[in-house]
């Protein structure tokens, strides 16, 4: 298992008071697996959490926005960026 430290922004902060949430996922997990573990953690904390928010969110490491097939083989930190609208 590896530790993924998730830095929460925007709407995600309304479900968890700390700016960081740490989860553990199997080594070699892809972004979809990380989203599944994150959704499960947030539902335990806030029953009103809607996992659709994760589907529309962007995930980024220190260098780039991550694609769905991004894989994680060591401890890391990822930013969770909610969808935004504007005009």
PDB file of N, CA and C in Angstrom:
ATOM      1  N   UNK A   1       0.846  -1.190   0.000  1.00  0.00           N
ATOM      2  CA  UNK A   1       0.000   0.000   0.000  1.00  0.00           C
ATOM      3  C   UNK A   1       0.888   1.249   0.000  1.00  0.00           C
ATOM      4  N   UNK A   2       0.387   2.269  -0.658  1.00  0.00           N
ATOM      5  CA  UNK A   2       1.090   3.555  -0.666  1.00  0.00           C
ATOM      6  C   UNK A   2       0.161   4.627  -0.098  1.00  0.00           C
ATOM      7  N   UNK A   3       0.756   5.702   0.385  1.00  0.00           N
ATOM      8  CA  UNK A   3      -0.013   6.820   0.926  1.00  0.00           C
ATOM      9  C   UNK A   3      -0.168   7.886  -0.154  1.00  0.00           C
ATOM     10  N   UNK A   4      -1.394   8.320  -0.340  1.00  0.00           N
ATOM     11  CA  UNK A   4      -1.672   9.418  -1.251  1.00  0.00           C
ATOM     12  C   UNK A   4      -2.244  10.554  -0.411  1.00  0.00           C
ATOM     13  N   UNK A   5      -1.506  11.636  -0.355  1.00  0.00           N
ATOM     14  CA  UNK A   5      -1.943  12.813   0.392  1.00  0.00           C
ATOM     15  C   UNK A   5      -2.676  13.719  -0.595  1.00  0.00           C
ATOM     16  N   UNK A   6      -3.954  13.924  -0.347  1.00  0.00           N
ATOM     17  CA  UNK A   6      -4.795  14.695  -1.244  1.00  0.00           C
ATOM     18  C   UNK A   6      -5.010  16.088  -0.682  1.00  0.00           C
ATOM     19  N   UNK A   7      -4.642  17.086  -1.443  1.00  0.00           N
ATOM     20  CA  UNK A   7      -4.865  18.478  -1.026  1.00  0.00           C
ATOM     21  C   UNK A   7      -6.203  18.916  -1.609  1.00  0.00           C
ATOM     22  N   UNK A   8      -7.132  19.233  -0.746  1.00  0.00           N
ATOM     23  CA  UNK A   8      -8.500  19.541  -1.156  1.00  0.00           C
ATOM     24  C   UNK A   8      -8.695  21.045  -1.369  1.00  0.00           C
ATOM     25  N   UNK A   9      -9.379  21.374  -2.453  1.00  0.00           N
ATOM     26  CA  UNK A   9      -9.672  22.764  -2.777  1.00  0.00           C
ATOM     27  C   UNK A   9     -11.167  22.952  -2.989  1.00  0.00           C
ATOM     28  N   UNK A  10     -11.602  24.202  -2.892  1.00  0.00           N
ATOM     29  CA  UNK A  10     -12.966  24.577  -3.227  1.00  0.00           C
ATOM     30  C   UNK A  10     -14.030  23.775  -2.499  1.00  0.00           C
ATOM     31  N   UNK A  11     -14.988  23.275  -3.243  1.00  0.00           N
ATOM     32  CA  UNK A  11     -16.134  22.560  -2.687  1.00  0.00           C
ATOM     33  C   UNK A  11     -15.723  21.365  -1.834  1.00  0.00           C
ATOM     34  N   UNK A  12     -14.612  20.727  -2.172  1.00  0.00           N
ATOM     35  CA  UNK A  12     -14.164  19.560  -1.405  1.00  0.00           C
ATOM     36  C   UNK A  12     -13.872  19.922   0.047  1.00  0.00           C
ATOM     37  N   UNK A  13     -13.470  21.163   0.290  1.00  0.00           N
ATOM     38  CA  UNK A  13     -13.173  21.606   1.654  1.00  0.00           C
ATOM     39  C   UNK A  13     -14.431  21.678   2.514  1.00  0.00           C
ATOM     40  N   UNK A  14     -15.602  21.780   1.896  1.00  0.00           N
ATOM     41  CA  UNK A  14     -16.843  21.832   2.672  1.00  0.00           C
ATOM     42  C   UNK A  14     -17.194  20.470   3.278  1.00  0.00           C
ATOM     43  N   UNK A  15     -16.565  19.408   2.771  1.00  0.00           N
ATOM     44  CA  UNK A  15     -16.831  18.070   3.287  1.00  0.00           C
ATOM     45  C   UNK A  15     -15.804  17.624   4.323  1.00  0.00           C
ATOM     46  N   UNK A  16     -14.670  18.317   4.364  1.00  0.00           N
ATOM     47  CA  UNK A  16     -13.580  17.921   5.263  1.00  0.00           C
ATOM     48  C   UNK A  16     -12.850  19.185   5.686  1.00  0.00           C
ATOM     49  N   UNK A  17     -12.741  19.424   6.966  1.00  0.00           N
ATOM     50  CA  UNK A  17     -12.212  20.704   7.454  1.00  0.00           C
ATOM     51  C   UNK A  17     -10.707  20.884   7.255  1.00  0.00           C
ATOM     52  N   UNK A  18      -9.974  19.810   7.195  1.00  0.00           N
ATOM     53  CA  UNK A  18      -8.523  19.884   7.002  1.00  0.00           C
ATOM     54  C   UNK A  18      -8.242  20.043   5.504  1.00  0.00           C
ATOM     55  N   UNK A  19      -7.237  20.825   5.119  1.00  0.00           N
ATOM     56  CA  UNK A  19      -6.943  20.960   3.686  1.00  0.00           C
ATOM     57  C   UNK A  19      -6.346  19.695   3.066  1.00  0.00           C
ATOM     58  N   UNK A  20      -5.895  18.761   3.900  1.00  0.00           N
ATOM     59  CA  UNK A  20      -5.313  17.516   3.396  1.00  0.00           C
ATOM     60  C   UNK A  20      -6.086  16.314   3.911  1.00  0.00           C
ATOM     61  N   UNK A  21      -6.247  15.322   3.050  1.00  0.00           N
ATOM     62  CA  UNK A  21      -6.833  14.047   3.427  1.00  0.00           C
ATOM     63  C   UNK A  21      -5.896  12.975   2.902  1.00  0.00           C
ATOM     64  N   UNK A  22      -5.484  12.078   3.762  1.00  0.00           N
ATOM     65  CA  UNK A  22      -4.552  11.021   3.354  1.00  0.00           C
ATOM     66  C   UNK A  22      -5.297   9.700   3.237  1.00  0.00           C
ATOM     67  N   UNK A  23      -5.080   9.013   2.119  1.00  0.00           N
ATOM     68  CA  UNK A  23      -5.666   7.690   1.913  1.00  0.00           C
ATOM     69  C   UNK A  23      -4.550   6.719   1.558  1.00  0.00           C
ATOM     70  N   UNK A  24      -4.847   5.447   1.676  1.00  0.00           N
ATOM     71  CA  UNK A  24      -3.910   4.409   1.257  1.00  0.00           C
ATOM     72  C   UNK A  24      -4.547   3.610   0.140  1.00  0.00           C
ATOM     73  N   UNK A  25      -3.774   3.394  -0.914  1.00  0.00           N
ATOM     74  CA  UNK A  25      -4.225   2.613  -2.060  1.00  0.00           C
ATOM     75  C   UNK A  25      -3.146   1.598  -2.402  1.00  0.00           C
ATOM     76  N   UNK A  26      -3.505   0.536  -3.104  1.00  0.00           N
ATOM     77  CA  UNK A  26      -2.489  -0.431  -3.518  1.00  0.00           C
ATOM     78  C   UNK A  26      -1.464   0.211  -4.453  1.00  0.00           C
ATOM     79  N   UNK A  27      -0.215  -0.176  -4.335  1.00  0.00           N
ATOM     80  CA  UNK A  27       0.823   0.311  -5.235  1.00  0.00           C
ATOM     81  C   UNK A  27       0.448  -0.061  -6.663  1.00  0.00           C
ATOM     82  N   UNK A  28       0.644   0.871  -7.588  1.00  0.00           N
ATOM     83  CA  UNK A  28       0.293   0.645  -8.981  1.00  0.00           C
ATOM     84  C   UNK A  28      -1.124   1.057  -9.322  1.00  0.00           C
ATOM     85  N   UNK A  29      -1.848   1.613  -8.354  1.00  0.00           N
ATOM     86  CA  UNK A  29      -3.226   2.050  -8.601  1.00  0.00           C
ATOM     87  C   UNK A  29      -3.257   3.168  -9.628  1.00  0.00           C
ATOM     88  N   UNK A  30      -4.359   3.212 -10.383  1.00  0.00           N
ATOM     89  CA  UNK A  30      -4.544   4.315 -11.318  1.00  0.00           C
ATOM     90  C   UNK A  30      -5.422   5.394 -10.685  1.00  0.00           C
ATOM     91  N   UNK A  31      -5.629   6.470 -11.424  1.00  0.00           N
ATOM     92  CA  UNK A  31      -6.392   7.594 -10.881  1.00  0.00           C
ATOM     93  C   UNK A  31      -7.830   7.201 -10.556  1.00  0.00           C
ATOM     94  N   UNK A  32      -8.408   6.301 -11.330  1.00  0.00           N
ATOM     95  CA  UNK A  32      -9.776   5.852 -11.057  1.00  0.00           C
ATOM     96  C   UNK A  32      -9.859   5.181  -9.689  1.00  0.00           C
ATOM     97  N   UNK A  33      -8.863   4.388  -9.345  1.00  0.00           N
ATOM     98  CA  UNK A  33      -8.826   3.735  -8.036  1.00  0.00           C
ATOM     99  C   UNK A  33      -8.680   4.769  -6.923  1.00  0.00           C
ATOM    100  N   UNK A  34      -7.826   5.753  -7.131  1.00  0.00           N
ATOM    101  CA  UNK A  34      -7.652   6.819  -6.137  1.00  0.00           C
ATOM    102  C   UNK A  34      -8.989   7.542  -5.925  1.00  0.00           C
ATOM    103  N   UNK A  35      -9.700   7.831  -7.010  1.00  0.00           N
ATOM    104  CA  UNK A  35     -11.008   8.491  -6.893  1.00  0.00           C
ATOM    105  C   UNK A  35     -11.986   7.630  -6.099  1.00  0.00           C
ATOM    106  N   UNK A  36     -11.978   6.326  -6.332  1.00  0.00           N
ATOM    107  CA  UNK A  36     -12.873   5.412  -5.613  1.00  0.00           C
ATOM    108  C   UNK A  36     -12.588   5.428  -4.122  1.00  0.00           C
ATOM    109  N   UNK A  37     -11.316   5.355  -3.747  1.00  0.00           N
ATOM    110  CA  UNK A  37     -10.931   5.384  -2.331  1.00  0.00           C
ATOM    111  C   UNK A  37     -11.266   6.743  -1.715  1.00  0.00           C
ATOM    112  N   UNK A  38     -11.040   7.824  -2.464  1.00  0.00           N
ATOM    113  CA  UNK A  38     -11.358   9.156  -1.964  1.00  0.00           C
ATOM    114  C   UNK A  38     -12.861   9.307  -1.753  1.00  0.00           C
ATOM    115  N   UNK A  39     -13.659   8.856  -2.707  1.00  0.00           N
ATOM    116  CA  UNK A  39     -15.119   8.939  -2.578  1.00  0.00           C
ATOM    117  C   UNK A  39     -15.589   8.186  -1.345  1.00  0.00           C
ATOM    118  N   UNK A  40     -15.040   7.003  -1.121  1.00  0.00           N
ATOM    119  CA  UNK A  40     -15.415   6.213   0.051  1.00  0.00           C
ATOM    120  C   UNK A  40     -15.069   6.948   1.342  1.00  0.00           C
ATOM    121  N   UNK A  41     -13.890   7.541   1.387  1.00  0.00           N
ATOM    122  CA  UNK A  41     -13.470   8.291   2.577  1.00  0.00           C
ATOM    123  C   UNK A  41     -14.372   9.497   2.819  1.00  0.00           C
ATOM    124  N   UNK A  42     -14.681  10.240   1.768  1.00  0.00           N
ATOM    125  CA  UNK A  42     -15.511  11.433   1.929  1.00  0.00           C
ATOM    126  C   UNK A  42     -16.948  11.079   2.309  1.00  0.00           C
ATOM    127  N   UNK A  43     -17.465   9.950   1.807  1.00  0.00           N
ATOM    128  CA  UNK A  43     -18.823   9.530   2.186  1.00  0.00           C
ATOM    129  C   UNK A  43     -18.893   9.158   3.665  1.00  0.00           C
ATOM    130  N   UNK A  44     -17.817   8.595   4.193  1.00  0.00           N
ATOM    131  CA  UNK A  44     -17.776   8.248   5.622  1.00  0.00           C
ATOM    132  C   UNK A  44     -17.776   9.514   6.485  1.00  0.00           C
ATOM    133  N   UNK A  45     -17.140  10.560   5.989  1.00  0.00           N
ATOM    134  CA  UNK A  45     -17.029  11.817   6.722  1.00  0.00           C
ATOM    135  C   UNK A  45     -18.285  12.665   6.562  1.00  0.00           C
ATOM    136  N   UNK A  46     -18.821  12.704   5.344  1.00  0.00           N
ATOM    137  CA  UNK A  46     -19.968  13.569   5.030  1.00  0.00           C
ATOM    138  C   UNK A  46     -20.963  12.785   4.170  1.00  0.00           C
ATOM    139  N   UNK A  47     -22.033  12.357   4.771  1.00  0.00           N
ATOM    140  CA  UNK A  47     -23.011  11.527   4.059  1.00  0.00           C
ATOM    141  C   UNK A  47     -23.612  12.237   2.850  1.00  0.00           C
ATOM    142  N   UNK A  48     -23.598  13.554   2.827  1.00  0.00           N
ATOM    143  CA  UNK A  48     -24.169  14.306   1.709  1.00  0.00           C
ATOM    144  C   UNK A  48     -23.228  14.401   0.506  1.00  0.00           C
ATOM    145  N   UNK A  49     -22.010  13.878   0.628  1.00  0.00           N
ATOM    146  CA  UNK A  49     -21.043  13.948  -0.472  1.00  0.00           C
ATOM    147  C   UNK A  49     -21.579  13.200  -1.686  1.00  0.00           C
ATOM    148  N   UNK A  50     -21.522  13.833  -2.852  1.00  0.00           N
ATOM    149  CA  UNK A  50     -21.962  13.240  -4.119  1.00  0.00           C
ATOM    150  C   UNK A  50     -20.718  12.944  -4.952  1.00  0.00           C
ATOM    151  N   UNK A  51     -20.494  11.669  -5.255  1.00  0.00           N
ATOM    152  CA  UNK A  51     -19.274  11.281  -5.967  1.00  0.00           C
ATOM    153  C   UNK A  51     -19.210  11.843  -7.386  1.00  0.00           C
ATOM    154  N   UNK A  52     -20.312  12.365  -7.913  1.00  0.00           N
ATOM    155  CA  UNK A  52     -20.271  13.005  -9.238  1.00  0.00           C
ATOM    156  C   UNK A  52     -19.301  14.178  -9.240  1.00  0.00           C
ATOM    157  N   UNK A  53     -19.151  14.824  -8.107  1.00  0.00           N
ATOM    158  CA  UNK A  53     -18.203  15.933  -7.996  1.00  0.00           C
ATOM    159  C   UNK A  53     -16.787  15.475  -8.357  1.00  0.00           C
ATOM    160  N   UNK A  54     -16.436  14.244  -7.971  1.00  0.00           N
ATOM    161  CA  UNK A  54     -15.109  13.712  -8.305  1.00  0.00           C
ATOM    162  C   UNK A  54     -14.961  13.444  -9.794  1.00  0.00           C
ATOM    163  N   UNK A  55     -16.044  13.028 -10.424  1.00  0.00           N
ATOM    164  CA  UNK A  55     -15.983  12.740 -11.862  1.00  0.00           C
ATOM    165  C   UNK A  55     -15.670  13.993 -12.664  1.00  0.00           C
ATOM    166  N   UNK A  56     -16.122  15.127 -12.175  1.00  0.00           N
ATOM    167  CA  UNK A  56     -15.921  16.392 -12.883  1.00  0.00           C
ATOM    168  C   UNK A  56     -14.679  17.152 -12.406  1.00  0.00           C
ATOM    169  N   UNK A  57     -14.005  16.634 -11.395  1.00  0.00           N
ATOM    170  CA  UNK A  57     -12.836  17.308 -10.820  1.00  0.00           C
ATOM    171  C   UNK A  57     -11.573  17.010 -11.623  1.00  0.00           C
ATOM    172  N   UNK A  58     -10.595  17.882 -11.448  1.00  0.00           N
ATOM    173  CA  UNK A  58      -9.264  17.659 -12.018  1.00  0.00           C
ATOM    174  C   UNK A  58      -8.324  17.261 -10.888  1.00  0.00           C
ATOM    175  N   UNK A  59      -7.351  16.434 -11.208  1.00  0.00           N
ATOM    176  CA  UNK A  59      -6.342  15.991 -10.251  1.00  0.00           C
ATOM    177  C   UNK A  59      -4.987  16.364 -10.818  1.00  0.00           C
ATOM    178  N   UNK A  60      -4.115  16.888  -9.957  1.00  0.00           N
ATOM    179  CA  UNK A  60      -2.816  17.353 -10.438  1.00  0.00           C
ATOM    180  C   UNK A  60      -1.726  16.996  -9.441  1.00  0.00           C
ATOM    181  N   UNK A  61      -0.534  16.714  -9.968  1.00  0.00           N
ATOM    182  CA  UNK A  61       0.629  16.591  -9.099  1.00  0.00           C
ATOM    183  C   UNK A  61       1.359  17.924  -9.151  1.00  0.00           C
ATOM    184  N   UNK A  62       2.591  17.974  -8.735  1.00  0.00           N
ATOM    185  CA  UNK A  62       3.297  19.254  -8.689  1.00  0.00           C
ATOM    186  C   UNK A  62       3.658  19.799 -10.069  1.00  0.00           C
ATOM    187  N   UNK A  63       3.505  18.957 -11.104  1.00  0.00           N
ATOM    188  CA  UNK A  63       3.907  19.390 -12.441  1.00  0.00           C
ATOM    189  C   UNK A  63       2.788  19.497 -13.471  1.00  0.00           C
ATOM    190  N   UNK A  64       1.746  18.690 -13.332  1.00  0.00           N
ATOM    191  CA  UNK A  64       0.781  18.591 -14.416  1.00  0.00           C
ATOM    192  C   UNK A  64      -0.590  18.116 -13.957  1.00  0.00           C
ATOM    193  N   UNK A  65      -1.587  18.360 -14.802  1.00  0.00           N
ATOM    194  CA  UNK A  65      -2.916  17.781 -14.596  1.00  0.00           C
ATOM    195  C   UNK A  65      -2.798  16.297 -14.960  1.00  0.00           C
ATOM    196  N   UNK A  66      -3.335  15.444 -14.125  1.00  0.00           N
ATOM    197  CA  UNK A  66      -3.197  13.997 -14.326  1.00  0.00           C
ATOM    198  C   UNK A  66      -4.292  13.439 -15.228  1.00  0.00           C
ATOM    199  N   UNK A  67      -3.914  12.522 -16.074  1.00  0.00           N
ATOM    200  CA  UNK A  67      -4.855  11.796 -16.933  1.00  0.00           C
ATOM    201  C   UNK A  67      -5.426  10.619 -16.163  1.00  0.00           C
ATOM    202  N   UNK A  68      -6.546  10.066 -16.633  1.00  0.00           N
ATOM    203  CA  UNK A  68      -7.188   8.924 -15.964  1.00  0.00           C
ATOM    204  C   UNK A  68      -6.274   7.722 -15.797  1.00  0.00           C
ATOM    205  N   UNK A  69      -5.352   7.540 -16.742  1.00  0.00           N
ATOM    206  CA  UNK A  69      -4.489   6.360 -16.688  1.00  0.00           C
ATOM    207  C   UNK A  69      -3.212   6.589 -15.871  1.00  0.00           C
ATOM    208  N   UNK A  70      -3.112   7.732 -15.194  1.00  0.00           N
ATOM    209  CA  UNK A  70      -1.947   7.985 -14.330  1.00  0.00           C
ATOM    210  C   UNK A  70      -1.880   6.882 -13.273  1.00  0.00           C
ATOM    211  N   UNK A  71      -0.688   6.396 -13.000  1.00  0.00           N
ATOM    212  CA  UNK A  71      -0.491   5.321 -12.019  1.00  0.00           C
ATOM    213  C   UNK A  71       0.408   5.825 -10.897  1.00  0.00           C
ATOM    214  N   UNK A  72       0.190   5.244  -9.723  1.00  0.00           N
ATOM    215  CA  UNK A  72       0.905   5.666  -8.526  1.00  0.00           C
ATOM    216  C   UNK A  72       1.611   4.459  -7.911  1.00  0.00           C
ATOM    217  N   UNK A  73       2.928   4.546  -7.824  1.00  0.00           N
ATOM    218  CA  UNK A  73       3.700   3.423  -7.295  1.00  0.00           C
ATOM    219  C   UNK A  73       4.468   3.783  -6.030  1.00  0.00           C
ATOM    220  N   UNK A  74       4.376   5.045  -5.607  1.00  0.00           N
ATOM    221  CA  UNK A  74       5.045   5.465  -4.369  1.00  0.00           C
ATOM    222  C   UNK A  74       4.208   6.550  -3.701  1.00  0.00           C
ATOM    223  N   UNK A  75       4.502   6.838  -2.453  1.00  0.00           N
ATOM    224  CA  UNK A  75       3.784   7.880  -1.731  1.00  0.00           C
ATOM    225  C   UNK A  75       3.846   9.184  -2.529  1.00  0.00           C
ATOM    226  N   UNK A  76       2.737   9.913  -2.539  1.00  0.00           N
ATOM    227  CA  UNK A  76       2.704  11.144  -3.318  1.00  0.00           C
ATOM    228  C   UNK A  76       1.667  12.114  -2.771  1.00  0.00           C
ATOM    229  N   UNK A  77       1.698  13.321  -3.295  1.00  0.00           N
ATOM    230  CA  UNK A  77       0.718  14.341  -2.945  1.00  0.00           C
ATOM    231  C   UNK A  77       0.029  14.790  -4.237  1.00  0.00           C
ATOM    232  N   UNK A  78      -1.305  14.861  -4.183  1.00  0.00           N
ATOM    233  CA  UNK A  78      -2.099  15.222  -5.347  1.00  0.00           C
ATOM    234  C   UNK A  78      -3.088  16.321  -4.945  1.00  0.00           C
ATOM    235  N   UNK A  79      -3.263  17.291  -5.822  1.00  0.00           N
ATOM    236  CA  UNK A  79      -4.276  18.322  -5.611  1.00  0.00           C
ATOM    237  C   UNK A  79      -5.581  17.864  -6.244  1.00  0.00           C
ATOM    238  N   UNK A  80      -6.690  18.098  -5.522  1.00  0.00           N
ATOM    239  CA  UNK A  80      -8.023  17.769  -6.026  1.00  0.00           C
ATOM    240  C   UNK A  80      -8.728  19.092  -6.301  1.00  0.00           C
ATOM    241  N   UNK A  81      -8.945  19.378  -7.582  1.00  0.00           N
ATOM    242  CA  UNK A  81      -9.470  20.661  -8.004  1.00  0.00           C
ATOM    243  C   UNK A  81     -10.904  20.499  -8.486  1.00  0.00           C
ATOM    244  N   UNK A  82     -11.851  21.166  -7.819  1.00  0.00           N
ATOM    245  CA  UNK A  82     -13.252  21.020  -8.214  1.00  0.00           C
ATOM    246  C   UNK A  82     -13.526  21.655  -9.570  1.00  0.00           C
ATOM    247  N   UNK A  83     -14.598  21.221 -10.209  1.00  0.00           N
ATOM    248  CA  UNK A  83     -14.968  21.887 -11.467  1.00  0.00           C
ATOM    249  C   UNK A  83     -15.375  23.330 -11.167  1.00  0.00           C
ATOM    250  N   UNK A  84     -15.112  24.195 -12.118  1.00  0.00           N
ATOM    251  CA  UNK A  84     -15.485  25.597 -11.955  1.00  0.00           C
ATOM    252  C   UNK A  84     -16.319  26.052 -13.142  1.00  0.00           C
ATOM    253  N   UNK A  85     -17.176  26.977 -12.874  1.00  0.00           N
ATOM    254  CA  UNK A  85     -17.993  27.595 -13.920  1.00  0.00           C
ATOM    255  C   UNK A  85     -17.772  29.094 -13.836  1.00  0.00           C
ATOM    256  N   UNK A  86     -17.989  29.749 -14.887  1.00  0.00           N
ATOM    257  CA  UNK A  86     -17.832  31.184 -14.845  1.00  0.00           C
ATOM    258  C   UNK A  86     -18.210  31.792 -16.182  1.00  0.00           C
ATOM    259  N   UNK A  87     -18.124  33.055 -16.210  1.00  0.00           N
ATOM    260  CA  UNK A  87     -18.492  33.692 -17.465  1.00  0.00           C
ATOM    261  C   UNK A  87     -17.800  35.001 -17.602  1.00  0.00           C
TER     262      UNK A  87
END
